[in-house]
């Protein structure tokens, strides 16, 4: 680490003081403003180039929900444009991972499944299984 020397501008003054801190310790002033049309175009070109150089894995993304209740709940959620978090809030469930688990067909409490279905405007019905 190299000290930064601050010179005194007054006549007859030499060194005012020496700062022994790194530049990274200084506050960075961030300017927030909307991007210009030119910047947006340049950023879009960069994104396209990166996607060509590093294409996503063919296995990337979420797997389809199992058929039945999980698929219906996911379909209703996506149709309304809601996130797992938003559905959990509407259903009064404290953890959004519960909604994800329901959509993935994992084990969940019936009361949670019922609350999520109701929040999405769905109704669960018992039906006789056809063998």
Protein backbone atom coordinates (compact mmCIF):
# COMPACT_ATOMS: atom_id res chain seq x y z
CA UNK A 1 0.00 0.00 0.00
CA UNK A 2 1.42 3.32 -1.03
CA UNK A 3 0.49 6.43 0.98
CA UNK A 4 -1.19 9.30 -0.81
CA UNK A 5 0.52 12.65 -0.27
CA UNK A 6 -1.71 15.72 -0.03
CA UNK A 7 0.13 18.97 -0.76
CA UNK A 8 -0.65 22.20 1.02
CA UNK A 9 -1.37 24.93 -1.52
CA UNK A 10 -0.49 27.75 0.88
CA UNK A 11 2.84 29.58 0.40
CA UNK A 12 5.64 28.00 2.38
CA UNK A 13 3.63 24.86 3.02
CA UNK A 14 4.94 21.50 1.99
CA UNK A 15 3.04 18.40 2.91
CA UNK A 16 -0.31 18.92 4.61
CA UNK A 17 -0.80 15.27 5.60
CA UNK A 18 -0.39 11.78 4.25
CA UNK A 19 -3.39 9.53 3.76
CA UNK A 20 -2.64 5.88 4.45
CA UNK A 21 -5.73 4.40 2.90
CA UNK A 22 -6.42 2.57 -0.28
CA UNK A 23 -8.49 4.03 -3.08
CA UNK A 24 -11.00 1.21 -2.59
CA UNK A 25 -11.73 2.51 0.90
CA UNK A 26 -12.89 5.82 -0.51
CA UNK A 27 -16.58 6.40 -1.10
CA UNK A 28 -17.63 5.84 -4.69
CA UNK A 29 -20.10 8.36 -5.99
CA UNK A 30 -22.61 6.58 -8.18
CA UNK A 31 -24.58 8.50 -10.75
CA UNK A 32 -28.00 6.98 -11.41
CA UNK A 33 -29.78 8.05 -14.55
CA UNK A 34 -31.78 6.40 -17.33
CA UNK A 35 -29.69 4.93 -20.13
CA UNK A 36 -29.71 6.76 -23.44
CA UNK A 37 -31.00 5.10 -26.60
CA UNK A 38 -27.42 4.65 -27.78
CA UNK A 39 -26.41 2.99 -24.49
CA UNK A 40 -29.44 0.68 -24.56
CA UNK A 41 -28.56 -0.38 -28.11
CA UNK A 42 -24.93 -1.02 -27.13
CA UNK A 43 -26.00 -3.04 -24.06
CA UNK A 44 -28.38 -5.13 -26.19
CA UNK A 45 -25.55 -5.92 -28.62
CA UNK A 46 -23.28 -6.93 -25.73
CA UNK A 47 -25.98 -9.23 -24.32
CA UNK A 48 -26.51 -10.89 -27.74
CA UNK A 49 -22.76 -11.43 -28.14
CA UNK A 50 -22.45 -12.95 -24.67
CA UNK A 51 -25.42 -15.26 -25.34
CA UNK A 52 -23.71 -16.47 -28.54
CA UNK A 53 -20.39 -17.00 -26.75
CA UNK A 54 -21.92 -18.61 -23.66
CA UNK A 55 -25.24 -20.19 -24.64
CA UNK A 56 -27.46 -21.39 -21.80
CA UNK A 57 -27.35 -25.06 -20.93
CA UNK A 58 -30.04 -27.09 -22.69
CA UNK A 59 -31.07 -28.32 -19.24
CA UNK A 60 -31.39 -24.77 -17.89
CA UNK A 61 -34.74 -23.59 -16.62
CA UNK A 62 -37.41 -25.21 -14.57
CA UNK A 63 -38.82 -28.61 -15.32
CA UNK A 64 -42.51 -28.95 -16.10
CA UNK A 65 -44.82 -29.45 -13.17
CA UNK A 66 -46.23 -32.93 -12.70
CA UNK A 67 -49.74 -33.37 -14.14
CA UNK A 68 -52.73 -32.65 -11.95
CA UNK A 69 -52.92 -30.12 -9.13
CA UNK A 70 -49.29 -28.87 -9.39
CA UNK A 71 -49.65 -28.13 -13.11
CA UNK A 72 -53.00 -26.38 -12.62
CA UNK A 73 -51.64 -24.20 -9.82
CA UNK A 74 -48.60 -23.24 -11.88
CA UNK A 75 -50.72 -22.51 -14.94
CA UNK A 76 -53.05 -20.25 -12.91
CA UNK A 77 -50.13 -18.44 -11.25
CA UNK A 78 -48.35 -17.76 -14.52
CA UNK A 79 -51.59 -16.66 -16.22
CA UNK A 80 -52.03 -14.02 -13.51
CA UNK A 81 -48.37 -13.00 -13.80
CA UNK A 82 -47.66 -13.67 -10.13
CA UNK A 83 -44.42 -14.79 -8.50
CA UNK A 84 -44.15 -17.51 -5.88
CA UNK A 85 -43.64 -14.76 -3.32
CA UNK A 86 -46.80 -12.89 -4.37
CA UNK A 87 -48.90 -16.05 -4.23
CA UNK A 88 -47.52 -16.93 -0.80
CA UNK A 89 -48.44 -13.44 0.45
CA UNK A 90 -51.98 -13.72 -0.97
CA UNK A 91 -52.38 -17.18 0.55
CA UNK A 92 -51.03 -16.11 3.94
CA UNK A 93 -48.11 -18.53 3.74
CA UNK A 94 -44.89 -17.19 5.32
CA UNK A 95 -42.47 -18.96 2.97
CA UNK A 96 -42.63 -18.69 -0.84
CA UNK A 97 -40.70 -21.96 -1.14
CA UNK A 98 -43.92 -23.70 -0.13
CA UNK A 99 -45.57 -22.50 -3.35
CA UNK A 100 -42.58 -23.73 -5.34
CA UNK A 101 -42.77 -27.11 -3.61
CA UNK A 102 -46.46 -27.42 -4.44
CA UNK A 103 -45.80 -26.63 -8.11
CA UNK A 104 -42.95 -29.16 -8.23
CA UNK A 105 -45.19 -31.87 -6.78
CA UNK A 106 -43.29 -32.15 -3.52
CA UNK A 107 -44.90 -33.03 -0.23
CA UNK A 108 -46.95 -30.13 1.18
CA UNK A 109 -49.62 -29.65 3.79
CA UNK A 110 -53.13 -29.87 2.40
CA UNK A 111 -54.05 -26.59 4.11
CA UNK A 112 -51.24 -24.82 2.20
CA UNK A 113 -52.32 -26.34 -1.11
CA UNK A 114 -55.89 -25.25 -0.38
CA UNK A 115 -54.79 -21.69 0.54
CA UNK A 116 -52.71 -21.35 -2.64
CA UNK A 117 -55.56 -22.67 -4.80
CA UNK A 118 -58.00 -20.21 -3.20
CA UNK A 119 -55.57 -17.29 -3.67
CA UNK A 120 -55.42 -18.15 -7.38
CA UNK A 121 -59.19 -18.47 -7.72
CA UNK A 122 -59.14 -22.28 -7.93
CA UNK A 123 -61.16 -24.79 -5.95
CA UNK A 124 -60.05 -28.23 -4.85
CA UNK A 125 -62.61 -31.01 -5.16
CA UNK A 126 -62.49 -34.62 -4.14
CA UNK A 127 -63.36 -36.95 -6.98
CA UNK A 128 -63.74 -40.67 -7.06
CA UNK A 129 -60.74 -42.34 -8.61
CA UNK A 130 -61.47 -44.24 -11.77
CA UNK A 131 -59.68 -47.56 -11.88
